Full PDB file with SEQRES, HELIX, SHEET, SSBOND, CRYST1, ORIGX, SCALE, CONECT and MASTER records, all heavy atoms in Angstrom:
SEQRES   1 A   48  LYS GLU PRO GLN GLY LEU ALA TYR LEU PRO GLY ARG ASP          
SEQRES   2 A   48  ALA LEU VAL VAL ALA SER GLY GLY ASP GLY THR VAL ARG          
SEQRES   3 A   48  PHE TYR ARG ALA GLY ASP LEU ALA PRO ALA GLY VAL LEU          
SEQRES   4 A   48  ALA LEU GLY LYS ASP ALA ASP ASN VAL                          
SHEET    1 AA1 4 PRO A   3  LEU A   9  0                                        
SHEET    2 AA1 4 ALA A  14  SER A  19 -1                                        
SHEET    3 AA1 4 THR A  24  ARG A  29 -1                                        
SHEET    4 AA1 4 PRO A  35  ALA A  40 -1                                        
CRYST1    1.000    1.000    1.000  90.00  90.00  90.00 P 1           1          
ORIGX1      1.000000  0.000000  0.000000        0.00000                         
ORIGX2      0.000000  1.000000  0.000000        0.00000                         
ORIGX3      0.000000  0.000000  1.000000        0.00000                         
SCALE1      1.000000  0.000000  0.000000        0.00000                         
SCALE2      0.000000  1.000000  0.000000        0.00000                         
SCALE3      0.000000  0.000000  1.000000        0.00000                         
ATOM      1  N   LYS A   1      91.626  15.414  77.174  1.00  0.00           N  
ATOM      2  CA  LYS A   1      90.816  15.887  76.059  1.00  0.00           C  
ATOM      3  C   LYS A   1      91.533  17.174  75.484  1.00  0.00           C  
ATOM      4  O   LYS A   1      91.386  18.270  76.019  1.00  0.00           O  
ATOM      5  CB  LYS A   1      89.400  16.244  76.487  1.00  0.00           C  
ATOM      6  CG  LYS A   1      88.673  15.023  76.943  1.00  0.00           C  
ATOM      7  CD  LYS A   1      87.219  15.311  77.282  1.00  0.00           C  
ATOM      8  CE  LYS A   1      86.453  14.058  77.695  1.00  0.00           C  
ATOM      9  NZ  LYS A   1      85.031  14.252  77.995  1.00  0.00           N  
ATOM     10  N   GLU A   2      92.257  16.968  74.422  1.00  0.00           N  
ATOM     11  CA  GLU A   2      93.017  18.003  73.727  1.00  0.00           C  
ATOM     12  C   GLU A   2      93.955  18.803  74.735  1.00  0.00           C  
ATOM     13  O   GLU A   2      93.785  19.935  74.796  1.00  0.00           O  
ATOM     14  CB  GLU A   2      92.024  18.927  72.969  1.00  0.00           C  
ATOM     15  CG  GLU A   2      91.155  18.279  71.947  1.00  0.00           C  
ATOM     16  CD  GLU A   2      90.268  19.233  71.235  1.00  0.00           C  
ATOM     17  OE1 GLU A   2      90.386  20.444  71.465  1.00  0.00           O  
ATOM     18  OE2 GLU A   2      89.343  18.733  70.605  1.00  0.00           O  
ATOM     19  N   PRO A   3      94.903  18.019  75.207  1.00  0.00           N  
ATOM     20  CA  PRO A   3      95.942  18.785  76.065  1.00  0.00           C  
ATOM     21  C   PRO A   3      96.691  19.854  75.172  1.00  0.00           C  
ATOM     22  O   PRO A   3      97.226  19.419  74.139  1.00  0.00           O  
ATOM     23  CB  PRO A   3      96.811  17.732  76.649  1.00  0.00           C  
ATOM     24  CG  PRO A   3      96.717  16.590  75.647  1.00  0.00           C  
ATOM     25  CD  PRO A   3      95.320  16.705  75.184  1.00  0.00           C  
ATOM     26  N   GLN A   4      96.827  20.975  75.605  1.00  0.00           N  
ATOM     27  CA  GLN A   4      97.411  22.098  74.863  1.00  0.00           C  
ATOM     28  C   GLN A   4      98.609  22.748  75.543  1.00  0.00           C  
ATOM     29  O   GLN A   4      99.762  22.734  75.079  1.00  0.00           O  
ATOM     30  CB  GLN A   4      96.357  23.149  74.399  1.00  0.00           C  
ATOM     31  CG  GLN A   4      95.231  22.620  73.590  1.00  0.00           C  
ATOM     32  CD  GLN A   4      94.377  23.748  73.119  1.00  0.00           C  
ATOM     33  OE1 GLN A   4      94.428  24.088  71.886  1.00  0.00           O  
ATOM     34  NE2 GLN A   4      93.487  24.306  73.969  1.00  0.00           N  
ATOM     35  N   GLY A   5      98.337  23.370  76.684  1.00  0.00           N  
ATOM     36  CA  GLY A   5      99.340  24.086  77.426  1.00  0.00           C  
ATOM     37  C   GLY A   5     100.035  23.303  78.521  1.00  0.00           C  
ATOM     38  O   GLY A   5      99.306  22.543  79.209  1.00  0.00           O  
ATOM     39  N   LEU A   6     101.265  23.521  78.794  1.00  0.00           N  
ATOM     40  CA  LEU A   6     101.997  22.864  79.847  1.00  0.00           C  
ATOM     41  C   LEU A   6     102.853  23.808  80.659  1.00  0.00           C  
ATOM     42  O   LEU A   6     103.422  24.784  79.996  1.00  0.00           O  
ATOM     43  CB  LEU A   6     102.860  21.731  79.294  1.00  0.00           C  
ATOM     44  CG  LEU A   6     102.346  20.628  78.483  1.00  0.00           C  
ATOM     45  CD1 LEU A   6     103.419  19.642  77.979  1.00  0.00           C  
ATOM     46  CD2 LEU A   6     101.346  19.802  79.332  1.00  0.00           C  
ATOM     47  N   ALA A   7     102.995  23.591  81.902  1.00  0.00           N  
ATOM     48  CA  ALA A   7     104.026  24.405  82.643  1.00  0.00           C  
ATOM     49  C   ALA A   7     104.570  23.440  83.723  1.00  0.00           C  
ATOM     50  O   ALA A   7     103.779  22.677  84.430  1.00  0.00           O  
ATOM     51  CB  ALA A   7     103.324  25.617  83.260  1.00  0.00           C  
ATOM     52  N   TYR A   8     105.825  23.536  83.896  1.00  0.00           N  
ATOM     53  CA  TYR A   8     106.524  22.801  84.958  1.00  0.00           C  
ATOM     54  C   TYR A   8     106.781  23.829  86.123  1.00  0.00           C  
ATOM     55  O   TYR A   8     107.303  24.952  85.867  1.00  0.00           O  
ATOM     56  CB  TYR A   8     107.811  22.138  84.564  1.00  0.00           C  
ATOM     57  CG  TYR A   8     108.587  21.519  85.671  1.00  0.00           C  
ATOM     58  CD1 TYR A   8     108.160  20.382  86.330  1.00  0.00           C  
ATOM     59  CD2 TYR A   8     109.803  22.174  86.224  1.00  0.00           C  
ATOM     60  CE1 TYR A   8     108.851  19.824  87.351  1.00  0.00           C  
ATOM     61  CE2 TYR A   8     110.434  21.571  87.204  1.00  0.00           C  
ATOM     62  CZ  TYR A   8     109.996  20.445  87.876  1.00  0.00           C  
ATOM     63  OH  TYR A   8     110.657  19.921  88.928  1.00  0.00           O  
ATOM     64  N   LEU A   9     106.452  23.407  87.323  1.00  0.00           N  
ATOM     65  CA  LEU A   9     106.735  24.360  88.496  1.00  0.00           C  
ATOM     66  C   LEU A   9     107.860  23.782  89.362  1.00  0.00           C  
ATOM     67  O   LEU A   9     107.753  22.836  90.095  1.00  0.00           O  
ATOM     68  CB  LEU A   9     105.446  24.389  89.395  1.00  0.00           C  
ATOM     69  CG  LEU A   9     104.085  24.639  88.629  1.00  0.00           C  
ATOM     70  CD1 LEU A   9     102.943  24.684  89.613  1.00  0.00           C  
ATOM     71  CD2 LEU A   9     104.236  25.859  87.793  1.00  0.00           C  
ATOM     72  N   PRO A  10     109.043  24.378  89.221  1.00  0.00           N  
ATOM     73  CA  PRO A  10     110.314  23.799  89.844  1.00  0.00           C  
ATOM     74  C   PRO A  10     110.240  23.724  91.339  1.00  0.00           C  
ATOM     75  O   PRO A  10     110.619  22.752  91.973  1.00  0.00           O  
ATOM     76  CB  PRO A  10     111.353  24.670  89.431  1.00  0.00           C  
ATOM     77  CG  PRO A  10     110.738  25.963  88.954  1.00  0.00           C  
ATOM     78  CD  PRO A  10     109.394  25.538  88.457  1.00  0.00           C  
ATOM     79  N   GLY A  11     109.584  24.759  91.962  1.00  0.00           N  
ATOM     80  CA  GLY A  11     109.516  24.732  93.477  1.00  0.00           C  
ATOM     81  C   GLY A  11     108.599  23.604  94.025  1.00  0.00           C  
ATOM     82  O   GLY A  11     108.809  23.213  95.119  1.00  0.00           O  
ATOM     83  N   ARG A  12     107.741  23.174  93.214  1.00  0.00           N  
ATOM     84  CA  ARG A  12     106.745  22.071  93.633  1.00  0.00           C  
ATOM     85  C   ARG A  12     106.983  20.765  93.032  1.00  0.00           C  
ATOM     86  O   ARG A  12     106.346  19.805  93.323  1.00  0.00           O  
ATOM     87  CB  ARG A  12     105.349  22.618  93.417  1.00  0.00           C  
ATOM     88  CG  ARG A  12     104.920  23.811  94.142  1.00  0.00           C  
ATOM     89  CD  ARG A  12     103.505  24.238  93.867  1.00  0.00           C  
ATOM     90  NE  ARG A  12     103.140  25.368  94.709  1.00  0.00           N  
ATOM     91  CZ  ARG A  12     102.696  25.197  95.930  1.00  0.00           C  
ATOM     92  NH1 ARG A  12     102.461  23.988  96.398  1.00  0.00           N  
ATOM     93  NH2 ARG A  12     102.384  26.270  96.719  1.00  0.00           N  
ATOM     94  N   ASP A  13     107.917  20.721  92.030  1.00  0.00           N  
ATOM     95  CA  ASP A  13     108.158  19.583  91.180  1.00  0.00           C  
ATOM     96  C   ASP A  13     106.720  19.069  90.679  1.00  0.00           C  
ATOM     97  O   ASP A  13     106.403  17.873  90.798  1.00  0.00           O  
ATOM     98  CB  ASP A  13     108.795  18.479  92.005  1.00  0.00           C  
ATOM     99  CG  ASP A  13     109.369  17.327  91.052  1.00  0.00           C  
ATOM    100  OD1 ASP A  13     109.600  17.615  89.827  1.00  0.00           O  
ATOM    101  OD2 ASP A  13     109.491  16.190  91.552  1.00  0.00           O  
ATOM    102  N   ALA A  14     106.042  20.001  90.093  1.00  0.00           N  
ATOM    103  CA  ALA A  14     104.669  19.675  89.644  1.00  0.00           C  
ATOM    104  C   ALA A  14     104.477  20.028  88.137  1.00  0.00           C  
ATOM    105  O   ALA A  14     105.269  20.917  87.646  1.00  0.00           O  
ATOM    106  CB  ALA A  14     103.685  20.441  90.487  1.00  0.00           C  
ATOM    107  N   LEU A  15     103.618  19.440  87.512  1.00  0.00           N  
ATOM    108  CA  LEU A  15     103.246  19.664  86.143  1.00  0.00           C  
ATOM    109  C   LEU A  15     101.819  20.092  86.031  1.00  0.00           C  
ATOM    110  O   LEU A  15     100.965  19.539  86.642  1.00  0.00           O  
ATOM    111  CB  LEU A  15     103.421  18.382  85.237  1.00  0.00           C  
ATOM    112  CG  LEU A  15     103.126  18.481  83.796  1.00  0.00           C  
ATOM    113  CD1 LEU A  15     104.139  19.342  83.048  1.00  0.00           C  
ATOM    114  CD2 LEU A  15     103.094  17.092  83.173  1.00  0.00           C  
ATOM    115  N   VAL A  16     101.583  21.209  85.225  1.00  0.00           N  
ATOM    116  CA  VAL A  16     100.295  21.760  85.023  1.00  0.00           C  
ATOM    117  C   VAL A  16      99.917  21.495  83.499  1.00  0.00           C  
ATOM    118  O   VAL A  16     100.708  21.760  82.620  1.00  0.00           O  
ATOM    119  CB  VAL A  16     100.220  23.296  85.372  1.00  0.00           C  
ATOM    120  CG1 VAL A  16      98.812  23.807  85.105  1.00  0.00           C  
ATOM    121  CG2 VAL A  16     100.708  23.536  86.782  1.00  0.00           C  
ATOM    122  N   VAL A  17      98.700  20.994  83.312  1.00  0.00           N  
ATOM    123  CA  VAL A  17      98.289  20.629  81.956  1.00  0.00           C  
ATOM    124  C   VAL A  17      96.886  21.345  81.721  1.00  0.00           C  
ATOM    125  O   VAL A  17      95.906  21.091  82.534  1.00  0.00           O  
ATOM    126  CB  VAL A  17      98.022  19.119  81.813  1.00  0.00           C  
ATOM    127  CG1 VAL A  17      97.605  18.784  80.307  1.00  0.00           C  
ATOM    128  CG2 VAL A  17      99.368  18.406  82.062  1.00  0.00           C  
ATOM    129  N   ALA A  18      96.802  22.109  80.685  1.00  0.00           N  
ATOM    130  CA  ALA A  18      95.573  22.786  80.240  1.00  0.00           C  
ATOM    131  C   ALA A  18      94.959  21.990  79.121  1.00  0.00           C  
ATOM    132  O   ALA A  18      95.704  21.854  78.062  1.00  0.00           O  
ATOM    133  CB  ALA A  18      95.694  24.196  79.981  1.00  0.00           C  
ATOM    134  N   SER A  19      93.745  21.609  79.173  1.00  0.00           N  
ATOM    135  CA  SER A  19      93.084  20.821  78.090  1.00  0.00           C  
ATOM    136  C   SER A  19      92.005  21.693  77.460  1.00  0.00           C  
ATOM    137  O   SER A  19      91.014  22.075  78.149  1.00  0.00           O  
ATOM    138  CB  SER A  19      92.580  19.491  78.565  1.00  0.00           C  
ATOM    139  OG  SER A  19      93.689  18.765  78.980  1.00  0.00           O  
ATOM    140  N   GLY A  20      92.029  21.910  76.134  1.00  0.00           N  
ATOM    141  CA  GLY A  20      90.964  22.671  75.526  1.00  0.00           C  
ATOM    142  C   GLY A  20      89.660  21.931  75.266  1.00  0.00           C  
ATOM    143  O   GLY A  20      88.668  22.562  75.197  1.00  0.00           O  
ATOM    144  N   GLY A  21      89.738  20.573  75.254  1.00  0.00           N  
ATOM    145  CA  GLY A  21      88.501  19.809  75.020  1.00  0.00           C  
ATOM    146  C   GLY A  21      87.581  19.902  76.114  1.00  0.00           C  
ATOM    147  O   GLY A  21      86.369  19.901  75.902  1.00  0.00           O  
ATOM    148  N   ASP A  22      88.001  19.965  77.370  1.00  0.00           N  
ATOM    149  CA  ASP A  22      87.068  19.991  78.499  1.00  0.00           C  
ATOM    150  C   ASP A  22      87.221  21.227  79.451  1.00  0.00           C  
ATOM    151  O   ASP A  22      86.537  21.353  80.462  1.00  0.00           O  
ATOM    152  CB  ASP A  22      87.131  18.743  79.284  1.00  0.00           C  
ATOM    153  CG  ASP A  22      88.489  18.451  79.896  1.00  0.00           C  
ATOM    154  OD1 ASP A  22      89.331  19.332  79.797  1.00  0.00           O  
ATOM    155  OD2 ASP A  22      88.648  17.354  80.505  1.00  0.00           O  
ATOM    156  N   GLY A  23      88.186  22.126  79.064  1.00  0.00           N  
ATOM    157  CA  GLY A  23      88.462  23.343  79.813  1.00  0.00           C  
ATOM    158  C   GLY A  23      89.020  23.118  81.254  1.00  0.00           C  
ATOM    159  O   GLY A  23      88.892  24.027  82.061  1.00  0.00           O  
ATOM    160  N   THR A  24      89.704  21.942  81.356  1.00  0.00           N  
ATOM    161  CA  THR A  24      90.312  21.645  82.715  1.00  0.00           C  
ATOM    162  C   THR A  24      91.703  22.119  82.757  1.00  0.00           C  
ATOM    163  O   THR A  24      92.410  22.157  81.804  1.00  0.00           O  
ATOM    164  CB  THR A  24      90.173  20.205  83.081  1.00  0.00           C  
ATOM    165  OG1 THR A  24      90.841  19.432  82.105  1.00  0.00           O  
ATOM    166  CG2 THR A  24      88.752  19.762  83.218  1.00  0.00           C  
ATOM    167  N   VAL A  25      92.121  22.440  83.986  1.00  0.00           N  
ATOM    168  CA  VAL A  25      93.543  22.637  84.207  1.00  0.00           C  
ATOM    169  C   VAL A  25      93.965  21.593  85.309  1.00  0.00           C  
ATOM    170  O   VAL A  25      93.393  21.616  86.446  1.00  0.00           O  
ATOM    171  CB  VAL A  25      93.855  23.979  84.822  1.00  0.00           C  
ATOM    172  CG1 VAL A  25      95.368  24.182  85.252  1.00  0.00           C  
ATOM    173  CG2 VAL A  25      93.465  25.091  83.864  1.00  0.00           C  
ATOM    174  N   ARG A  26      94.775  20.642  84.978  1.00  0.00           N  
ATOM    175  CA  ARG A  26      95.109  19.478  85.891  1.00  0.00           C  
ATOM    176  C   ARG A  26      96.463  19.599  86.418  1.00  0.00           C  
ATOM    177  O   ARG A  26      97.356  19.999  85.684  1.00  0.00           O  
ATOM    178  CB  ARG A  26      94.864  18.192  85.097  1.00  0.00           C  
ATOM    179  CG  ARG A  26      93.403  17.991  84.592  1.00  0.00           C  
ATOM    180  CD  ARG A  26      93.197  16.700  83.929  1.00  0.00           C  
ATOM    181  NE  ARG A  26      91.818  16.520  83.464  1.00  0.00           N  
ATOM    182  CZ  ARG A  26      90.874  16.093  84.217  1.00  0.00           C  
ATOM    183  NH1 ARG A  26      91.054  15.618  85.408  1.00  0.00           N  
ATOM    184  NH2 ARG A  26      89.592  15.985  83.682  1.00  0.00           N  
ATOM    185  N   PHE A  27      96.685  19.142  87.617  1.00  0.00           N  
ATOM    186  CA  PHE A  27      97.987  19.163  88.324  1.00  0.00           C  
ATOM    187  C   PHE A  27      98.476  17.818  88.558  1.00  0.00           C  
ATOM    188  O   PHE A  27      97.685  16.946  88.950  1.00  0.00           O  
ATOM    189  CB  PHE A  27      97.807  19.942  89.615  1.00  0.00           C  
ATOM    190  CG  PHE A  27      97.438  21.475  89.540  1.00  0.00           C  
ATOM    191  CD1 PHE A  27      96.098  21.766  89.246  1.00  0.00           C  
ATOM    192  CD2 PHE A  27      98.367  22.426  89.597  1.00  0.00           C  
ATOM    193  CE1 PHE A  27      95.750  23.117  89.062  1.00  0.00           C  
ATOM    194  CE2 PHE A  27      97.979  23.734  89.410  1.00  0.00           C  
ATOM    195  CZ  PHE A  27      96.705  24.082  89.169  1.00  0.00           C  
ATOM    196  N   TYR A  28      99.738  17.557  88.293  1.00  0.00           N  
ATOM    197  CA  TYR A  28     100.343  16.230  88.509  1.00  0.00           C  
ATOM    198  C   TYR A  28     101.679  16.374  89.246  1.00  0.00           C  
ATOM    199  O   TYR A  28     102.397  17.345  89.121  1.00  0.00           O  
ATOM    200  CB  TYR A  28     100.588  15.613  87.123  1.00  0.00           C  
ATOM    201  CG  TYR A  28      99.375  15.344  86.345  1.00  0.00           C  
ATOM    202  CD1 TYR A  28      98.886  16.293  85.501  1.00  0.00           C  
ATOM    203  CD2 TYR A  28      98.622  14.137  86.413  1.00  0.00           C  
ATOM    204  CE1 TYR A  28      97.758  16.066  84.733  1.00  0.00           C  
ATOM    205  CE2 TYR A  28      97.532  13.939  85.713  1.00  0.00           C  
ATOM    206  CZ  TYR A  28      97.052  14.904  84.879  1.00  0.00           C  
ATOM    207  OH  TYR A  28      95.873  14.686  84.117  1.00  0.00           O  
ATOM    208  N   ARG A  29     102.024  15.336  89.988  1.00  0.00           N  
ATOM    209  CA  ARG A  29     103.412  15.210  90.524  1.00  0.00           C  
ATOM    210  C   ARG A  29     104.248  14.858  89.323  1.00  0.00           C  
ATOM    211  O   ARG A  29     104.022  13.895  88.577  1.00  0.00           O  
ATOM    212  CB  ARG A  29     103.496  14.110  91.546  1.00  0.00           C  
ATOM    213  CG  ARG A  29     102.586  14.450  92.835  1.00  0.00           C  
ATOM    214  CD  ARG A  29     103.102  13.529  94.035  1.00  0.00           C  
ATOM    215  NE  ARG A  29     103.197  12.081  93.574  1.00  0.00           N  
ATOM    216  CZ  ARG A  29     102.461  11.107  94.139  1.00  0.00           C  
ATOM    217  NH1 ARG A  29     101.512  11.391  95.002  1.00  0.00           N  
ATOM    218  NH2 ARG A  29     102.605   9.859  93.728  1.00  0.00           N  
ATOM    219  N   ALA A  30     105.277  15.683  89.135  1.00  0.00           N  
ATOM    220  CA  ALA A  30     106.075  15.561  87.936  1.00  0.00           C  
ATOM    221  C   ALA A  30     106.931  14.282  87.953  1.00  0.00           C  
ATOM    222  O   ALA A  30     107.200  13.633  86.869  1.00  0.00           O  
ATOM    223  CB  ALA A  30     107.014  16.714  87.796  1.00  0.00           C  
ATOM    224  N   GLY A  31     107.304  13.805  89.118  1.00  0.00           N  
ATOM    225  CA  GLY A  31     108.128  12.547  89.265  1.00  0.00           C  
ATOM    226  C   GLY A  31     107.451  11.369  88.733  1.00  0.00           C  
ATOM    227  O   GLY A  31     108.123  10.554  88.010  1.00  0.00           O  
ATOM    228  N   ASP A  32     106.217  11.172  89.084  1.00  0.00           N  
ATOM    229  CA  ASP A  32     105.577   9.836  88.703  1.00  0.00           C  
ATOM    230  C   ASP A  32     104.243  10.116  88.014  1.00  0.00           C  
ATOM    231  O   ASP A  32     103.577   9.224  87.557  1.00  0.00           O  
ATOM    232  CB  ASP A  32     105.247   8.947  89.971  1.00  0.00           C  
ATOM    233  CG  ASP A  32     104.380   9.749  90.986  1.00  0.00           C  
ATOM    234  OD1 ASP A  32     103.835  10.807  90.725  1.00  0.00           O  
ATOM    235  OD2 ASP A  32     104.106   9.157  92.100  1.00  0.00           O  
ATOM    236  N   LEU A  33     103.994  11.433  87.569  1.00  0.00           N  
ATOM    237  CA  LEU A  33     102.852  11.824  86.833  1.00  0.00           C  
ATOM    238  C   LEU A  33     101.507  11.376  87.529  1.00  0.00           C  
ATOM    239  O   LEU A  33     100.497  11.217  86.868  1.00  0.00           O  
ATOM    240  CB  LEU A  33     102.840  11.202  85.335  1.00  0.00           C  
ATOM    241  CG  LEU A  33     104.083  11.577  84.611  1.00  0.00           C  
ATOM    242  CD1 LEU A  33     104.083  10.990  83.231  1.00  0.00           C  
ATOM    243  CD2 LEU A  33     104.332  13.085  84.517  1.00  0.00           C  
ATOM    244  N   ALA A  34     101.497  11.294  88.901  1.00  0.00           N  
ATOM    245  CA  ALA A  34     100.300  10.988  89.593  1.00  0.00           C  
ATOM    246  C   ALA A  34      99.431  12.255  89.751  1.00  0.00           C  
ATOM    247  O   ALA A  34      99.950  13.371  89.943  1.00  0.00           O  
ATOM    248  CB  ALA A  34     100.656  10.493  91.026  1.00  0.00           C  
ATOM    249  N   PRO A  35      98.125  12.137  89.581  1.00  0.00           N  
ATOM    250  CA  PRO A  35      97.181  13.259  89.711  1.00  0.00           C  
ATOM    251  C   PRO A  35      97.372  13.971  91.078  1.00  0.00           C  
ATOM    252  O   PRO A  35      97.467  13.308  92.062  1.00  0.00           O  
ATOM    253  CB  PRO A  35      95.811  12.709  89.485  1.00  0.00           C  
ATOM    254  CG  PRO A  35      96.083  11.339  88.794  1.00  0.00           C  
ATOM    255  CD  PRO A  35      97.327  10.867  89.314  1.00  0.00           C  
ATOM    256  N   ALA A  36      97.222  15.308  91.074  1.00  0.00           N  
ATOM    257  CA  ALA A  36      97.371  16.071  92.308  1.00  0.00           C  
ATOM    258  C   ALA A  36      96.311  17.111  92.461  1.00  0.00           C  
ATOM    259  O   ALA A  36      96.277  17.962  93.381  1.00  0.00           O  
ATOM    260  CB  ALA A  36      98.730  16.769  92.453  1.00  0.00           C  
ATOM    261  N   GLY A  37      95.308  17.107  91.517  1.00  0.00           N  
ATOM    262  CA  GLY A  37      94.157  18.073  91.598  1.00  0.00           C  
ATOM    263  C   GLY A  37      93.701  18.563  90.269  1.00  0.00           C  
ATOM    264  O   GLY A  37      94.432  18.346  89.222  1.00  0.00           O  
ATOM    265  N   VAL A  38      92.566  19.167  90.179  1.00  0.00           N  
ATOM    266  CA  VAL A  38      92.036  19.550  89.013  1.00  0.00           C  
ATOM    267  C   VAL A  38      91.125  20.846  89.211  1.00  0.00           C  
ATOM    268  O   VAL A  38      90.497  20.998  90.230  1.00  0.00           O  
ATOM    269  CB  VAL A  38      91.149  18.514  88.271  1.00  0.00           C  
ATOM    270  CG1 VAL A  38      89.931  18.050  89.145  1.00  0.00           C  
ATOM    271  CG2 VAL A  38      90.585  18.911  86.943  1.00  0.00           C  
ATOM    272  N   LEU A  39      91.178  21.784  88.244  1.00  0.00           N  
ATOM    273  CA  LEU A  39      90.405  22.979  88.258  1.00  0.00           C  
ATOM    274  C   LEU A  39      89.619  23.061  86.973  1.00  0.00           C  
ATOM    275  O   LEU A  39      90.243  22.970  85.840  1.00  0.00           O  
ATOM    276  CB  LEU A  39      91.364  24.241  88.403  1.00  0.00           C  
ATOM    277  CG  LEU A  39      90.699  25.582  88.105  1.00  0.00           C  
ATOM    278  CD1 LEU A  39      89.639  25.982  89.189  1.00  0.00           C  
ATOM    279  CD2 LEU A  39      91.792  26.643  88.026  1.00  0.00           C  
ATOM    280  N   ALA A  40      88.297  23.248  87.059  1.00  0.00           N  
ATOM    281  CA  ALA A  40      87.484  23.469  85.863  1.00  0.00           C  
ATOM    282  C   ALA A  40      87.513  24.866  85.632  1.00  0.00           C  
ATOM    283  O   ALA A  40      86.823  25.665  86.219  1.00  0.00           O  
ATOM    284  CB  ALA A  40      86.058  22.962  86.177  1.00  0.00           C  
ATOM    285  N   LEU A  41      88.318  25.350  84.561  1.00  0.00           N  
ATOM    286  CA  LEU A  41      88.529  26.706  84.311  1.00  0.00           C  
ATOM    287  C   LEU A  41      87.539  27.207  83.313  1.00  0.00           C  
ATOM    288  O   LEU A  41      86.899  28.281  83.541  1.00  0.00           O  
ATOM    289  CB  LEU A  41      89.990  26.945  83.808  1.00  0.00           C  
ATOM    290  CG  LEU A  41      90.345  28.413  83.518  1.00  0.00           C  
ATOM    291  CD1 LEU A  41      90.263  29.236  84.776  1.00  0.00           C  
ATOM    292  CD2 LEU A  41      91.723  28.430  82.842  1.00  0.00           C  
ATOM    293  N   GLY A  42      87.465  26.668  82.187  1.00  0.00           N  
ATOM    294  CA  GLY A  42      86.542  27.143  81.174  1.00  0.00           C  
ATOM    295  C   GLY A  42      86.940  26.611  79.758  1.00  0.00           C  
ATOM    296  O   GLY A  42      88.070  26.187  79.628  1.00  0.00           O  
ATOM    297  N   LYS A  43      86.091  26.712  78.751  1.00  0.00           N  
ATOM    298  CA  LYS A  43      86.376  26.165  77.505  1.00  0.00           C  
ATOM    299  C   LYS A  43      87.608  26.688  76.830  1.00  0.00           C  
ATOM    300  O   LYS A  43      88.052  27.758  77.107  1.00  0.00           O  
ATOM    301  CB  LYS A  43      85.157  26.341  76.561  1.00  0.00           C  
ATOM    302  CG  LYS A  43      84.963  27.814  76.243  1.00  0.00           C  
ATOM    303  CD  LYS A  43      83.816  28.048  75.306  1.00  0.00           C  
ATOM    304  CE  LYS A  43      83.604  29.546  74.844  1.00  0.00           C  
ATOM    305  NZ  LYS A  43      82.543  29.617  73.902  1.00  0.00           N  
ATOM    306  N   ASP A  44      88.215  25.652  76.037  1.00  0.00           N  
ATOM    307  CA  ASP A  44      89.421  26.030  75.263  1.00  0.00           C  
ATOM    308  C   ASP A  44      90.560  26.519  76.121  1.00  0.00           C  
ATOM    309  O   ASP A  44      91.245  27.502  75.828  1.00  0.00           O  
ATOM    310  CB  ASP A  44      89.087  27.044  74.186  1.00  0.00           C  
ATOM    311  CG  ASP A  44      90.154  27.044  73.056  1.00  0.00           C  
ATOM    312  OD1 ASP A  44      90.934  26.111  73.024  1.00  0.00           O  
ATOM    313  OD2 ASP A  44      90.158  27.974  72.256  1.00  0.00           O  
ATOM    314  N   ALA A  45      90.823  25.912  77.305  1.00  0.00           N  
ATOM    315  CA  ALA A  45      92.019  26.155  78.066  1.00  0.00           C  
ATOM    316  C   ALA A  45      93.208  25.849  77.232  1.00  0.00           C  
ATOM    317  O   ALA A  45      93.389  24.794  76.602  1.00  0.00           O  
ATOM    318  CB  ALA A  45      91.995  25.362  79.366  1.00  0.00           C  
ATOM    319  N   ASP A  46      94.138  26.851  77.162  1.00  0.00           N  
ATOM    320  CA  ASP A  46      95.145  26.806  76.094  1.00  0.00           C  
ATOM    321  C   ASP A  46      96.519  27.020  76.664  1.00  0.00           C  
ATOM    322  O   ASP A  46      97.028  26.298  77.506  1.00  0.00           O  
ATOM    323  CB  ASP A  46      94.792  27.816  74.996  1.00  0.00           C  
ATOM    324  CG  ASP A  46      95.448  27.703  73.736  1.00  0.00           C  
ATOM    325  OD1 ASP A  46      96.445  26.948  73.660  1.00  0.00           O  
ATOM    326  OD2 ASP A  46      95.065  28.270  72.711  1.00  0.00           O  
ATOM    327  N   ASN A  47      97.230  28.071  76.364  1.00  0.00           N  
ATOM    328  CA  ASN A  47      98.501  28.375  76.785  1.00  0.00           C  
ATOM    329  C   ASN A  47      98.691  28.507  78.272  1.00  0.00           C  
ATOM    330  O   ASN A  47      97.763  29.070  78.849  1.00  0.00           O  
ATOM    331  CB  ASN A  47      99.138  29.641  76.106  1.00  0.00           C  
ATOM    332  CG  ASN A  47      99.678  29.385  74.723  1.00  0.00           C  
ATOM    333  OD1 ASN A  47     100.120  28.322  74.434  1.00  0.00           O  
ATOM    334  ND2 ASN A  47      99.684  30.424  73.934  1.00  0.00           N  
ATOM    335  N   VAL A  48      99.735  28.068  78.774  1.00  0.00           N  
ATOM    336  CA  VAL A  48     100.043  28.033  80.223  1.00  0.00           C  
ATOM    337  C   VAL A  48     101.528  28.650  80.401  1.00  0.00           C  
ATOM    338  O   VAL A  48     102.396  28.165  79.715  1.00  0.00           O  
ATOM    339  CB  VAL A  48     100.005  26.730  80.929  1.00  0.00           C  
ATOM    340  CG1 VAL A  48     100.216  26.836  82.406  1.00  0.00           C  
ATOM    341  CG2 VAL A  48      98.622  26.083  80.653  1.00  0.00           C  
TER     342      VAL A  48                                                      
MASTER        0    0    0    0    4    0    0    6  341    1    0    4          
END                                                                             
């Protein structure tokens, strides 16, 4: 829901996605884009 901010974490080979539509911050394995966790942060999650 409206993905906005992204960050790649080299030490973990992980991708972080912040979505403004539902306020979540989602974590993925960067190699296969498999889900690795989610944090309900707050509305309009944006730059990462």
